[in-house]
Amino acid sequence: LEEVLGAIRVYLDETHLDPGGQIRENLARLDSIVHTRRFDVLSEDDMLRAHSEEMISESEVSMHDIFLSYAHEDRSRVRPLVEMLQQQGWSVWWDRTIPLGKTYDQVIEEALDTARCVVVVWSQVSVTSHWVRTEAEEGRQRGILVPVMIDSGVRLPLGFRLLQTALLLDWSDPSHPEFARLVQAITALLGPPP
């Protein structure tokens, strides 16, 4: 069993499938059980299976198709966009609720690392946000950034001015041509929604 745990750790190191460290935490718990020989009624195989299922379900919970970067002040304006992307079938991380025992930057980093697409919502407020700029830069460096603008006259940060940006200035429904461009760009990264 110790060899299996070691092999799982090596696999996680090589594949980077555990950016938030949740699987490693569960491995540490399982390792503790192995070393103290507290198997109670369950066999070693049953314990490993139970912990593996728990690890998989916990890591799946934190994975989203889209990480949406926006300024908190724009939350009510961004909500319809999130809802329409979800209606397309994609999962969207945008809520900044921090679980107990975690810090803001831990949660953001984990969600950003596991996202397959980063949509940045540029507005008069978000262009001045250090967090939004940093999240957008991470998406740009990974080649998964899809920018959206919701205010006219916004001067984008220098590193993002050359990127094509969906102009959702006056949109309200999924038939808007710029929303269609956004969906097309996300589909190019993620494939069609389920």
N, C-alpha and C. Protein backbone atom coordinates (compact mmCIF):
# COMPACT_ATOMS: atom_id res chain seq x y z
N LEU A 1 0.83 -1.20 0.00
CA LEU A 1 0.00 0.00 0.00
C LEU A 1 0.87 1.26 0.00
N GLU A 2 1.98 1.20 0.73
CA GLU A 2 2.88 2.35 0.74
C GLU A 2 3.45 2.61 -0.65
N GLU A 3 3.72 1.53 -1.41
CA GLU A 3 4.22 1.69 -2.78
C GLU A 3 3.18 2.34 -3.67
N VAL A 4 1.92 1.97 -3.48
CA VAL A 4 0.83 2.56 -4.27
C VAL A 4 0.72 4.05 -3.97
N LEU A 5 0.78 4.41 -2.68
CA LEU A 5 0.71 5.82 -2.31
C LEU A 5 1.87 6.60 -2.91
N GLY A 6 3.06 6.01 -2.90
CA GLY A 6 4.22 6.65 -3.49
C GLY A 6 4.05 6.84 -4.99
N ALA A 7 3.50 5.84 -5.66
CA ALA A 7 3.27 5.93 -7.11
C ALA A 7 2.25 7.02 -7.43
N ILE A 8 1.23 7.15 -6.60
CA ILE A 8 0.22 8.19 -6.81
C ILE A 8 0.86 9.56 -6.66
N ARG A 9 1.72 9.72 -5.66
CA ARG A 9 2.39 11.01 -5.46
C ARG A 9 3.26 11.38 -6.67
N VAL A 10 4.01 10.40 -7.18
CA VAL A 10 4.86 10.64 -8.35
C VAL A 10 4.00 11.04 -9.54
N TYR A 11 2.87 10.33 -9.74
CA TYR A 11 1.96 10.64 -10.84
C TYR A 11 1.43 12.07 -10.73
N LEU A 12 1.05 12.48 -9.53
CA LEU A 12 0.54 13.84 -9.32
C LEU A 12 1.63 14.88 -9.62
N ASP A 13 2.86 14.59 -9.21
CA ASP A 13 3.96 15.50 -9.48
C ASP A 13 4.19 15.66 -10.98
N GLU A 14 4.11 14.54 -11.72
CA GLU A 14 4.39 14.57 -13.15
C GLU A 14 3.26 15.20 -13.95
N THR A 15 2.02 15.04 -13.51
CA THR A 15 0.87 15.51 -14.31
C THR A 15 0.31 16.84 -13.83
N HIS A 16 0.67 17.29 -12.65
CA HIS A 16 0.17 18.56 -12.09
C HIS A 16 -1.35 18.56 -11.98
N LEU A 17 -1.94 17.42 -11.62
CA LEU A 17 -3.40 17.30 -11.53
C LEU A 17 -3.96 17.71 -10.17
N ASP A 18 -3.10 18.14 -9.27
CA ASP A 18 -3.57 18.48 -7.93
C ASP A 18 -3.06 19.85 -7.52
N PRO A 19 -3.42 20.92 -8.28
CA PRO A 19 -2.87 22.24 -7.97
C PRO A 19 -3.28 22.77 -6.62
N GLY A 20 -4.45 22.37 -6.12
CA GLY A 20 -4.92 22.87 -4.83
C GLY A 20 -4.43 22.04 -3.66
N GLY A 21 -3.84 20.89 -3.94
CA GLY A 21 -3.30 20.04 -2.88
C GLY A 21 -4.31 19.18 -2.16
N GLN A 22 -5.56 19.12 -2.63
CA GLN A 22 -6.58 18.34 -1.94
C GLN A 22 -6.28 16.85 -1.99
N ILE A 23 -5.84 16.36 -3.13
CA ILE A 23 -5.54 14.94 -3.24
C ILE A 23 -4.38 14.58 -2.33
N ARG A 24 -3.36 15.45 -2.28
CA ARG A 24 -2.21 15.18 -1.40
C ARG A 24 -2.63 15.15 0.07
N GLU A 25 -3.57 16.03 0.45
CA GLU A 25 -4.06 16.02 1.83
C GLU A 25 -4.71 14.68 2.15
N ASN A 26 -5.50 14.16 1.22
CA ASN A 26 -6.14 12.87 1.43
C ASN A 26 -5.12 11.73 1.46
N LEU A 27 -4.09 11.84 0.62
CA LEU A 27 -3.02 10.84 0.66
C LEU A 27 -2.31 10.84 2.01
N ALA A 28 -2.09 12.03 2.55
CA ALA A 28 -1.45 12.13 3.87
C ALA A 28 -2.31 11.46 4.94
N ARG A 29 -3.64 11.68 4.86
CA ARG A 29 -4.53 11.02 5.82
C ARG A 29 -4.48 9.50 5.67
N LEU A 30 -4.49 9.04 4.43
CA LEU A 30 -4.43 7.60 4.18
C LEU A 30 -3.09 7.04 4.65
N ASP A 31 -2.02 7.78 4.40
CA ASP A 31 -0.69 7.37 4.84
C ASP A 31 -0.65 7.23 6.37
N SER A 32 -1.30 8.17 7.05
CA SER A 32 -1.36 8.13 8.51
C SER A 32 -2.09 6.87 8.99
N ILE A 33 -3.17 6.54 8.29
CA ILE A 33 -3.92 5.33 8.65
C ILE A 33 -3.06 4.10 8.44
N VAL A 34 -2.34 4.06 7.33
CA VAL A 34 -1.48 2.91 7.03
C VAL A 34 -0.43 2.75 8.11
N HIS A 35 0.20 3.86 8.52
CA HIS A 35 1.27 3.77 9.50
C HIS A 35 0.77 3.43 10.90
N THR A 36 -0.43 3.82 11.23
CA THR A 36 -0.94 3.49 12.56
C THR A 36 -1.70 2.17 12.56
N ARG A 37 -1.87 1.59 11.35
CA ARG A 37 -2.54 0.30 11.19
C ARG A 37 -3.97 0.32 11.74
N ARG A 38 -4.66 1.47 11.61
CA ARG A 38 -6.05 1.57 12.06
C ARG A 38 -6.97 1.25 10.89
N PHE A 39 -7.19 -0.01 10.63
CA PHE A 39 -8.05 -0.40 9.52
C PHE A 39 -9.45 -0.78 9.99
N ASP A 40 -9.65 -0.84 11.29
CA ASP A 40 -10.94 -1.20 11.86
C ASP A 40 -11.52 -2.42 11.13
N VAL A 41 -12.73 -2.27 10.61
CA VAL A 41 -13.42 -3.39 9.97
C VAL A 41 -13.03 -3.50 8.50
N LEU A 42 -12.60 -2.40 7.88
CA LEU A 42 -12.32 -2.39 6.45
C LEU A 42 -10.95 -2.98 6.14
N SER A 43 -10.87 -3.63 4.98
CA SER A 43 -9.58 -4.14 4.52
C SER A 43 -8.77 -2.99 3.94
N GLU A 44 -7.50 -3.25 3.64
CA GLU A 44 -6.65 -2.22 3.04
C GLU A 44 -7.21 -1.78 1.69
N ASP A 45 -7.67 -2.73 0.88
CA ASP A 45 -8.25 -2.40 -0.42
C ASP A 45 -9.48 -1.52 -0.27
N ASP A 46 -10.34 -1.83 0.70
CA ASP A 46 -11.54 -1.02 0.92
C ASP A 46 -11.17 0.40 1.33
N MET A 47 -10.16 0.52 2.19
CA MET A 47 -9.74 1.85 2.64
C MET A 47 -9.20 2.66 1.46
N LEU A 48 -8.35 2.03 0.64
CA LEU A 48 -7.77 2.73 -0.50
C LEU A 48 -8.88 3.15 -1.47
N ARG A 49 -9.82 2.27 -1.75
CA ARG A 49 -10.91 2.58 -2.67
C ARG A 49 -11.75 3.75 -2.13
N ALA A 50 -12.09 3.71 -0.85
CA ALA A 50 -12.91 4.76 -0.25
C ALA A 50 -12.20 6.10 -0.32
N HIS A 51 -10.91 6.13 0.00
CA HIS A 51 -10.16 7.39 -0.03
C HIS A 51 -9.94 7.86 -1.47
N SER A 52 -9.74 6.94 -2.41
CA SER A 52 -9.57 7.33 -3.80
C SER A 52 -10.84 7.97 -4.33
N GLU A 53 -12.00 7.42 -4.02
CA GLU A 53 -13.27 7.99 -4.46
C GLU A 53 -13.46 9.38 -3.86
N GLU A 54 -13.10 9.55 -2.60
CA GLU A 54 -13.21 10.86 -1.95
C GLU A 54 -12.29 11.87 -2.63
N MET A 55 -11.04 11.43 -2.95
CA MET A 55 -10.09 12.33 -3.58
C MET A 55 -10.58 12.77 -4.96
N ILE A 56 -11.13 11.84 -5.72
CA ILE A 56 -11.61 12.17 -7.05
C ILE A 56 -12.76 13.15 -6.96
N SER A 57 -13.72 12.89 -6.09
CA SER A 57 -14.88 13.78 -6.01
C SER A 57 -14.47 15.17 -5.54
N GLU A 58 -13.53 15.27 -4.62
CA GLU A 58 -13.10 16.59 -4.15
C GLU A 58 -12.38 17.36 -5.23
N SER A 59 -11.54 16.68 -6.03
CA SER A 59 -10.82 17.39 -7.07
C SER A 59 -11.75 17.80 -8.19
N GLU A 60 -12.78 17.01 -8.49
CA GLU A 60 -13.72 17.37 -9.54
C GLU A 60 -14.53 18.60 -9.16
N VAL A 61 -14.84 18.75 -7.89
CA VAL A 61 -15.63 19.89 -7.44
C VAL A 61 -14.93 21.19 -7.76
N SER A 62 -13.61 21.23 -7.66
CA SER A 62 -12.89 22.47 -7.83
C SER A 62 -12.57 22.79 -9.30
N MET A 63 -12.87 21.89 -10.22
CA MET A 63 -12.54 22.12 -11.62
C MET A 63 -13.72 22.76 -12.34
N HIS A 64 -13.45 23.80 -13.11
CA HIS A 64 -14.47 24.48 -13.91
C HIS A 64 -13.95 24.67 -15.32
N ASP A 65 -14.89 24.76 -16.25
CA ASP A 65 -14.50 25.04 -17.63
C ASP A 65 -13.95 26.45 -17.75
N ILE A 66 -14.66 27.41 -17.15
CA ILE A 66 -14.34 28.82 -17.33
C ILE A 66 -14.09 29.50 -15.99
N PHE A 67 -12.99 30.22 -15.92
CA PHE A 67 -12.70 31.12 -14.80
C PHE A 67 -13.07 32.50 -15.28
N LEU A 68 -14.00 33.16 -14.61
CA LEU A 68 -14.43 34.50 -15.02
C LEU A 68 -13.78 35.53 -14.11
N SER A 69 -12.97 36.40 -14.69
CA SER A 69 -12.27 37.44 -13.95
C SER A 69 -13.00 38.75 -14.16
N TYR A 70 -13.35 39.40 -13.05
CA TYR A 70 -14.12 40.64 -13.12
C TYR A 70 -13.90 41.44 -11.84
N ALA A 71 -14.28 42.71 -11.87
CA ALA A 71 -14.21 43.54 -10.67
C ALA A 71 -15.49 43.31 -9.85
N HIS A 72 -15.33 43.19 -8.56
CA HIS A 72 -16.48 42.94 -7.67
C HIS A 72 -17.60 43.96 -7.88
N GLU A 73 -17.22 45.20 -8.15
CA GLU A 73 -18.22 46.26 -8.36
C GLU A 73 -19.12 45.98 -9.57
N ASP A 74 -18.65 45.15 -10.49
CA ASP A 74 -19.41 44.83 -11.71
C ASP A 74 -20.25 43.55 -11.57
N ARG A 75 -20.30 43.01 -10.37
CA ARG A 75 -20.95 41.70 -10.16
C ARG A 75 -22.36 41.64 -10.74
N SER A 76 -23.20 42.62 -10.50
CA SER A 76 -24.58 42.56 -10.98
C SER A 76 -24.63 42.64 -12.51
N ARG A 77 -23.67 43.30 -13.12
CA ARG A 77 -23.61 43.39 -14.59
C ARG A 77 -23.03 42.14 -15.22
N VAL A 78 -22.23 41.40 -14.45
CA VAL A 78 -21.59 40.19 -14.95
C VAL A 78 -22.50 38.97 -14.80
N ARG A 79 -23.40 39.01 -13.82
CA ARG A 79 -24.28 37.87 -13.54
C ARG A 79 -25.00 37.34 -14.79
N PRO A 80 -25.62 38.21 -15.63
CA PRO A 80 -26.28 37.68 -16.83
C PRO A 80 -25.33 36.94 -17.77
N LEU A 81 -24.09 37.41 -17.87
CA LEU A 81 -23.10 36.74 -18.71
C LEU A 81 -22.82 35.35 -18.17
N VAL A 82 -22.62 35.26 -16.86
CA VAL A 82 -22.36 33.96 -16.23
C VAL A 82 -23.53 33.01 -16.49
N GLU A 83 -24.74 33.50 -16.29
CA GLU A 83 -25.92 32.66 -16.47
C GLU A 83 -26.05 32.17 -17.91
N MET A 84 -25.75 33.03 -18.87
CA MET A 84 -25.83 32.61 -20.28
C MET A 84 -24.74 31.62 -20.66
N LEU A 85 -23.55 31.78 -20.09
CA LEU A 85 -22.49 30.80 -20.34
C LEU A 85 -22.86 29.45 -19.73
N GLN A 86 -23.45 29.48 -18.54
CA GLN A 86 -23.90 28.25 -17.91
C GLN A 86 -25.03 27.60 -18.71
N GLN A 87 -25.92 28.41 -19.27
CA GLN A 87 -26.99 27.88 -20.11
C GLN A 87 -26.44 27.21 -21.37
N GLN A 88 -25.25 27.62 -21.80
CA GLN A 88 -24.60 26.98 -22.94
C GLN A 88 -24.10 25.58 -22.56
N GLY A 89 -23.97 25.32 -21.25
CA GLY A 89 -23.52 24.01 -20.78
C GLY A 89 -22.16 24.00 -20.11
N TRP A 90 -21.52 25.16 -20.00
CA TRP A 90 -20.21 25.23 -19.37
C TRP A 90 -20.33 25.53 -17.89
N SER A 91 -19.38 25.01 -17.10
CA SER A 91 -19.31 25.40 -15.69
C SER A 91 -18.44 26.65 -15.59
N VAL A 92 -18.88 27.59 -14.74
CA VAL A 92 -18.20 28.88 -14.63
C VAL A 92 -17.85 29.15 -13.17
N TRP A 93 -16.57 29.43 -12.90
CA TRP A 93 -16.16 29.84 -11.56
C TRP A 93 -16.11 31.36 -11.55
N TRP A 94 -16.89 31.96 -10.68
CA TRP A 94 -16.88 33.42 -10.59
C TRP A 94 -17.18 33.90 -9.19
N ASP A 95 -17.59 33.02 -8.34
CA ASP A 95 -17.97 33.42 -6.99
C ASP A 95 -16.73 33.50 -6.12
N ARG A 96 -16.61 34.57 -5.39
CA ARG A 96 -15.43 34.78 -4.55
C ARG A 96 -15.67 34.39 -3.10
N THR A 97 -16.49 33.36 -2.86
CA THR A 97 -16.71 32.89 -1.50
C THR A 97 -15.50 32.06 -1.07
N ILE A 98 -14.93 32.39 0.04
CA ILE A 98 -13.73 31.71 0.51
C ILE A 98 -14.12 30.71 1.60
N PRO A 99 -13.85 29.41 1.37
CA PRO A 99 -14.16 28.41 2.40
C PRO A 99 -13.34 28.63 3.67
N LEU A 100 -13.87 28.19 4.77
CA LEU A 100 -13.14 28.29 6.04
C LEU A 100 -11.82 27.55 5.92
N GLY A 101 -10.79 28.13 6.50
CA GLY A 101 -9.47 27.52 6.48
C GLY A 101 -8.66 27.82 5.23
N LYS A 102 -9.22 28.54 4.27
CA LYS A 102 -8.52 28.89 3.04
C LYS A 102 -8.34 30.40 2.98
N THR A 103 -7.38 30.84 2.19
CA THR A 103 -7.18 32.27 1.98
C THR A 103 -7.65 32.64 0.58
N TYR A 104 -7.92 33.91 0.38
CA TYR A 104 -8.41 34.43 -0.88
C TYR A 104 -7.50 34.01 -2.03
N ASP A 105 -6.19 34.22 -1.86
CA ASP A 105 -5.28 33.90 -2.96
C ASP A 105 -5.18 32.41 -3.22
N GLN A 106 -5.33 31.55 -2.18
CA GLN A 106 -5.32 30.10 -2.39
C GLN A 106 -6.48 29.67 -3.27
N VAL A 107 -7.67 30.17 -2.96
CA VAL A 107 -8.88 29.79 -3.69
C VAL A 107 -8.81 30.29 -5.13
N ILE A 108 -8.40 31.54 -5.31
CA ILE A 108 -8.28 32.11 -6.66
C ILE A 108 -7.28 31.30 -7.48
N GLU A 109 -6.12 31.03 -6.91
CA GLU A 109 -5.08 30.33 -7.64
C GLU A 109 -5.53 28.93 -8.03
N GLU A 110 -6.18 28.22 -7.12
CA GLU A 110 -6.65 26.88 -7.43
C GLU A 110 -7.68 26.91 -8.56
N ALA A 111 -8.64 27.83 -8.49
CA ALA A 111 -9.67 27.93 -9.52
C ALA A 111 -9.05 28.32 -10.87
N LEU A 112 -8.11 29.23 -10.83
CA LEU A 112 -7.45 29.67 -12.06
C LEU A 112 -6.61 28.56 -12.66
N ASP A 113 -5.88 27.83 -11.82
CA ASP A 113 -5.03 26.74 -12.31
C ASP A 113 -5.82 25.60 -12.94
N THR A 114 -7.02 25.35 -12.44
CA THR A 114 -7.79 24.22 -12.94
C THR A 114 -8.73 24.59 -14.08
N ALA A 115 -8.92 25.89 -14.33
CA ALA A 115 -9.82 26.32 -15.40
C ALA A 115 -9.21 26.02 -16.76
N ARG A 116 -10.07 25.73 -17.72
CA ARG A 116 -9.62 25.46 -19.08
C ARG A 116 -9.74 26.68 -19.98
N CYS A 117 -10.37 27.73 -19.47
CA CYS A 117 -10.55 28.98 -20.21
C CYS A 117 -10.67 30.11 -19.19
N VAL A 118 -10.08 31.25 -19.49
CA VAL A 118 -10.20 32.43 -18.64
C VAL A 118 -10.90 33.51 -19.45
N VAL A 119 -12.07 33.94 -18.96
CA VAL A 119 -12.78 35.06 -19.58
C VAL A 119 -12.58 36.26 -18.67
N VAL A 120 -11.97 37.31 -19.21
CA VAL A 120 -11.78 38.54 -18.43
C VAL A 120 -12.82 39.54 -18.89
N VAL A 121 -13.49 40.17 -17.94
CA VAL A 121 -14.50 41.18 -18.24
C VAL A 121 -13.89 42.54 -17.94
N TRP A 122 -13.54 43.26 -19.01
CA TRP A 122 -12.96 44.58 -18.87
C TRP A 122 -14.05 45.63 -18.72
N SER A 123 -13.88 46.50 -17.73
CA SER A 123 -14.80 47.62 -17.48
C SER A 123 -13.97 48.79 -16.99
N GLN A 124 -14.62 49.92 -16.76
CA GLN A 124 -13.91 51.08 -16.22
C GLN A 124 -13.25 50.74 -14.88
N VAL A 125 -13.90 49.88 -14.11
CA VAL A 125 -13.38 49.51 -12.80
C VAL A 125 -12.33 48.40 -12.90
N SER A 126 -12.60 47.36 -13.70
CA SER A 126 -11.71 46.20 -13.71
C SER A 126 -10.32 46.49 -14.27
N VAL A 127 -10.21 47.47 -15.18
CA VAL A 127 -8.88 47.78 -15.74
C VAL A 127 -7.92 48.31 -14.68
N THR A 128 -8.44 48.77 -13.56
CA THR A 128 -7.58 49.28 -12.49
C THR A 128 -7.34 48.24 -11.39
N SER A 129 -7.96 47.08 -11.53
CA SER A 129 -7.83 46.04 -10.50
C SER A 129 -6.58 45.21 -10.71
N HIS A 130 -5.73 45.17 -9.70
CA HIS A 130 -4.52 44.35 -9.75
C HIS A 130 -4.88 42.88 -9.94
N TRP A 131 -5.89 42.40 -9.22
CA TRP A 131 -6.30 41.00 -9.33
C TRP A 131 -6.77 40.66 -10.73
N VAL A 132 -7.63 41.49 -11.32
CA VAL A 132 -8.14 41.21 -12.66
C VAL A 132 -7.00 41.19 -13.67
N ARG A 133 -6.09 42.14 -13.57
CA ARG A 133 -4.95 42.17 -14.49
C ARG A 133 -4.09 40.91 -14.34
N THR A 134 -3.86 40.49 -13.11
CA THR A 134 -3.03 39.31 -12.85
C THR A 134 -3.70 38.05 -13.38
N GLU A 135 -5.00 37.92 -13.13
CA GLU A 135 -5.74 36.75 -13.62
C GLU A 135 -5.76 36.72 -15.14
N ALA A 136 -5.97 37.88 -15.77
CA ALA A 136 -5.98 37.96 -17.23
C ALA A 136 -4.60 37.60 -17.79
N GLU A 137 -3.56 38.06 -17.15
CA GLU A 137 -2.20 37.75 -17.60
C GLU A 137 -1.93 36.25 -17.52
N GLU A 138 -2.40 35.61 -16.46
CA GLU A 138 -2.24 34.15 -16.34
C GLU A 138 -2.94 33.45 -17.51
N GLY A 139 -4.15 33.88 -17.82
CA GLY A 139 -4.88 33.30 -18.95
C GLY A 139 -4.16 33.54 -20.27
N ARG A 140 -3.62 34.74 -20.44
CA ARG A 140 -2.89 35.08 -21.67
C ARG A 140 -1.64 34.22 -21.82
N GLN A 141 -0.90 34.07 -20.73
CA GLN A 141 0.33 33.26 -20.79
C GLN A 141 0.04 31.80 -21.10
N ARG A 142 -1.09 31.30 -20.62
CA ARG A 142 -1.46 29.90 -20.88
C ARG A 142 -2.16 29.73 -22.23
N GLY A 143 -2.45 30.83 -22.91
CA GLY A 143 -3.11 30.76 -24.21
C GLY A 143 -4.59 30.41 -24.12
N ILE A 144 -5.23 30.75 -22.98
CA ILE A 144 -6.64 30.40 -22.79
C ILE A 144 -7.49 31.63 -22.45
N LEU A 145 -6.99 32.82 -22.76
CA LEU A 145 -7.70 34.05 -22.41
C LEU A 145 -8.70 34.44 -23.50
N VAL A 146 -9.92 34.78 -23.07
CA VAL A 146 -10.95 35.31 -23.97
C VAL A 146 -11.45 36.62 -23.33
N PRO A 147 -11.09 37.78 -23.90
CA PRO A 147 -11.47 39.07 -23.30
C PRO A 147 -12.84 39.55 -23.76
N VAL A 148 -13.53 40.24 -22.84
CA VAL A 148 -14.84 40.82 -23.06
C VAL A 148 -14.80 42.25 -22.51
N MET A 149 -15.46 43.17 -23.19
CA MET A 149 -15.54 44.54 -22.69
C MET A 149 -17.02 44.90 -22.48
N ILE A 150 -17.33 45.46 -21.29
CA ILE A 150 -18.72 45.82 -20.99
C ILE A 150 -18.95 47.32 -20.88
N ASP A 151 -17.88 48.11 -20.96
CA ASP A 151 -17.99 49.58 -20.94
C ASP A 151 -17.30 50.14 -22.17
N SER A 152 -17.86 51.18 -22.74
CA SER A 152 -17.18 51.84 -23.86
C SER A 152 -16.13 52.80 -23.32
N GLY A 153 -15.17 53.11 -24.15
CA GLY A 153 -14.13 54.07 -23.78
C GLY A 153 -13.13 53.56 -22.76
N VAL A 154 -13.06 52.25 -22.58
CA VAL A 154 -12.13 51.67 -21.61
C VAL A 154 -10.75 51.56 -22.26
N ARG A 155 -9.75 52.06 -21.57
CA ARG A 155 -8.36 51.93 -22.04
C ARG A 155 -7.80 50.66 -21.42
N LEU A 156 -7.68 49.63 -22.25
CA LEU A 156 -7.19 48.35 -21.75
C LEU A 156 -5.74 48.44 -21.31
N PRO A 157 -5.34 47.59 -20.37
CA PRO A 157 -3.93 47.53 -20.00
C PRO A 157 -3.09 47.21 -21.24
N LEU A 158 -1.90 47.76 -21.32
CA LEU A 158 -1.05 47.69 -22.49
C LEU A 158 -0.92 46.28 -23.07
N GLY A 159 -0.69 45.30 -22.24
CA GLY A 159 -0.47 43.94 -22.73
C GLY A 159 -1.67 43.27 -23.35
N PHE A 160 -2.83 43.90 -23.29
CA PHE A 160 -4.06 43.28 -23.78
C PHE A 160 -4.70 44.06 -24.93
N ARG A 161 -4.10 45.13 -25.36
CA ARG A 161 -4.71 46.00 -26.38
C ARG A 161 -4.74 45.37 -27.77
N LEU A 162 -3.84 44.46 -28.06
CA LEU A 162 -3.80 43.86 -29.39
C LEU A 162 -4.75 42.68 -29.54
N LEU A 163 -5.30 42.19 -28.43
CA LEU A 163 -6.18 41.02 -28.49
C LEU A 163 -7.59 41.41 -28.92
N GLN A 164 -8.17 40.61 -29.80
CA GLN A 164 -9.56 40.81 -30.18
C GLN A 164 -10.43 40.64 -28.95
N THR A 165 -11.39 41.53 -28.75
CA THR A 165 -12.21 41.55 -27.55
C THR A 165 -13.69 41.62 -27.94
N ALA A 166 -14.49 40.75 -27.33
CA ALA A 166 -15.94 40.79 -27.56
C ALA A 166 -16.50 42.06 -26.92
N LEU A 167 -17.28 42.80 -27.66
CA LEU A 167 -17.84 44.07 -27.17
C LEU A 167 -19.29 43.84 -26.74
N LEU A 168 -19.46 43.55 -25.48
CA LEU A 168 -20.79 43.32 -24.93
C LEU A 168 -21.28 44.58 -24.23
N LEU A 169 -21.34 45.67 -24.99
CA LEU A 169 -21.68 46.97 -24.43
C LEU A 169 -23.18 47.13 -24.23
N ASP A 170 -23.97 46.59 -25.13
CA ASP A 170 -25.41 46.80 -25.07
C ASP A 170 -26.18 45.49 -25.28
N TRP A 171 -25.62 44.42 -24.91
CA TRP A 171 -26.23 43.12 -25.16
C TRP A 171 -27.17 42.74 -24.03
N SER A 172 -28.11 41.88 -24.35
CA SER A 172 -29.02 41.40 -23.31
C SER A 172 -29.52 39.98 -23.58
N ASP A 173 -29.15 39.42 -24.72
CA ASP A 173 -29.61 38.05 -25.00
C ASP A 173 -28.57 37.30 -25.82
N PRO A 174 -28.70 35.98 -25.85
CA PRO A 174 -27.68 35.16 -26.52
C PRO A 174 -27.64 35.31 -28.04
N SER A 175 -28.61 36.00 -28.64
CA SER A 175 -28.58 36.18 -30.09
C SER A 175 -27.71 37.37 -30.51
N HIS A 176 -27.19 38.12 -29.54
CA HIS A 176 -26.32 39.26 -29.85
C HIS A 176 -25.08 38.74 -30.58
N PRO A 177 -24.67 39.37 -31.69
CA PRO A 177 -23.53 38.86 -32.46
C PRO A 177 -22.22 38.79 -31.66
N GLU A 178 -22.01 39.71 -30.73
CA GLU A 178 -20.77 39.67 -29.94
C GLU A 178 -20.80 38.53 -28.93
N PHE A 179 -21.98 38.20 -28.41
CA PHE A 179 -22.08 37.04 -27.53
C PHE A 179 -21.80 35.78 -28.34
N ALA A 180 -22.28 35.73 -29.57
CA ALA A 180 -22.01 34.59 -30.46
C ALA A 180 -20.50 34.45 -30.70
N ARG A 181 -19.80 35.59 -30.88
CA ARG A 181 -18.34 35.55 -31.05
C ARG A 181 -17.66 35.00 -29.80
N LEU A 182 -18.17 35.41 -28.63
CA LEU A 182 -17.62 34.92 -27.37
C LEU A 182 -17.79 33.41 -27.26
N VAL A 183 -18.97 32.93 -27.54
CA VAL A 183 -19.24 31.49 -27.48
C VAL A 183 -18.34 30.75 -28.47
N GLN A 184 -18.16 31.31 -29.65
CA GLN A 184 -17.30 30.70 -30.65
C GLN A 184 -15.85 30.60 -30.16
N ALA A 185 -15.36 31.65 -29.54
CA ALA A 185 -13.98 31.65 -29.03
C ALA A 185 -13.81 30.65 -27.90
N ILE A 186 -14.79 30.57 -27.01
CA ILE A 186 -14.71 29.60 -25.91
C ILE A 186 -14.80 28.18 -26.46
N THR A 187 -15.67 27.97 -27.43
CA THR A 187 -15.81 26.65 -28.04
C THR A 187 -14.50 26.23 -28.71
N ALA A 188 -13.78 27.17 -29.31
CA ALA A 188 -12.50 26.85 -29.93
C ALA A 188 -11.49 26.32 -28.90
N LEU A 189 -11.60 26.81 -27.66
CA LEU A 189 -10.69 26.35 -26.59
C LEU A 189 -11.18 25.06 -25.93
N LEU A 190 -12.48 24.99 -25.67
CA LEU A 190 -13.02 23.90 -24.85
C LEU A 190 -13.72 22.80 -25.64
N GLY A 191 -14.03 23.09 -26.89
CA GLY A 191 -14.89 22.19 -27.65
C GLY A 191 -16.33 22.57 -27.35
N PRO A 192 -17.27 21.96 -28.08
CA PRO A 192 -18.67 22.32 -27.85
C PRO A 192 -19.10 21.96 -26.44
N PRO A 193 -20.02 22.77 -25.88
CA PRO A 193 -20.48 22.46 -24.52
C PRO A 193 -21.22 21.12 -24.50
N PRO A 194 -21.22 20.49 -23.34
CA PRO A 194 -21.89 19.17 -23.24
C PRO A 194 -23.37 19.24 -23.54
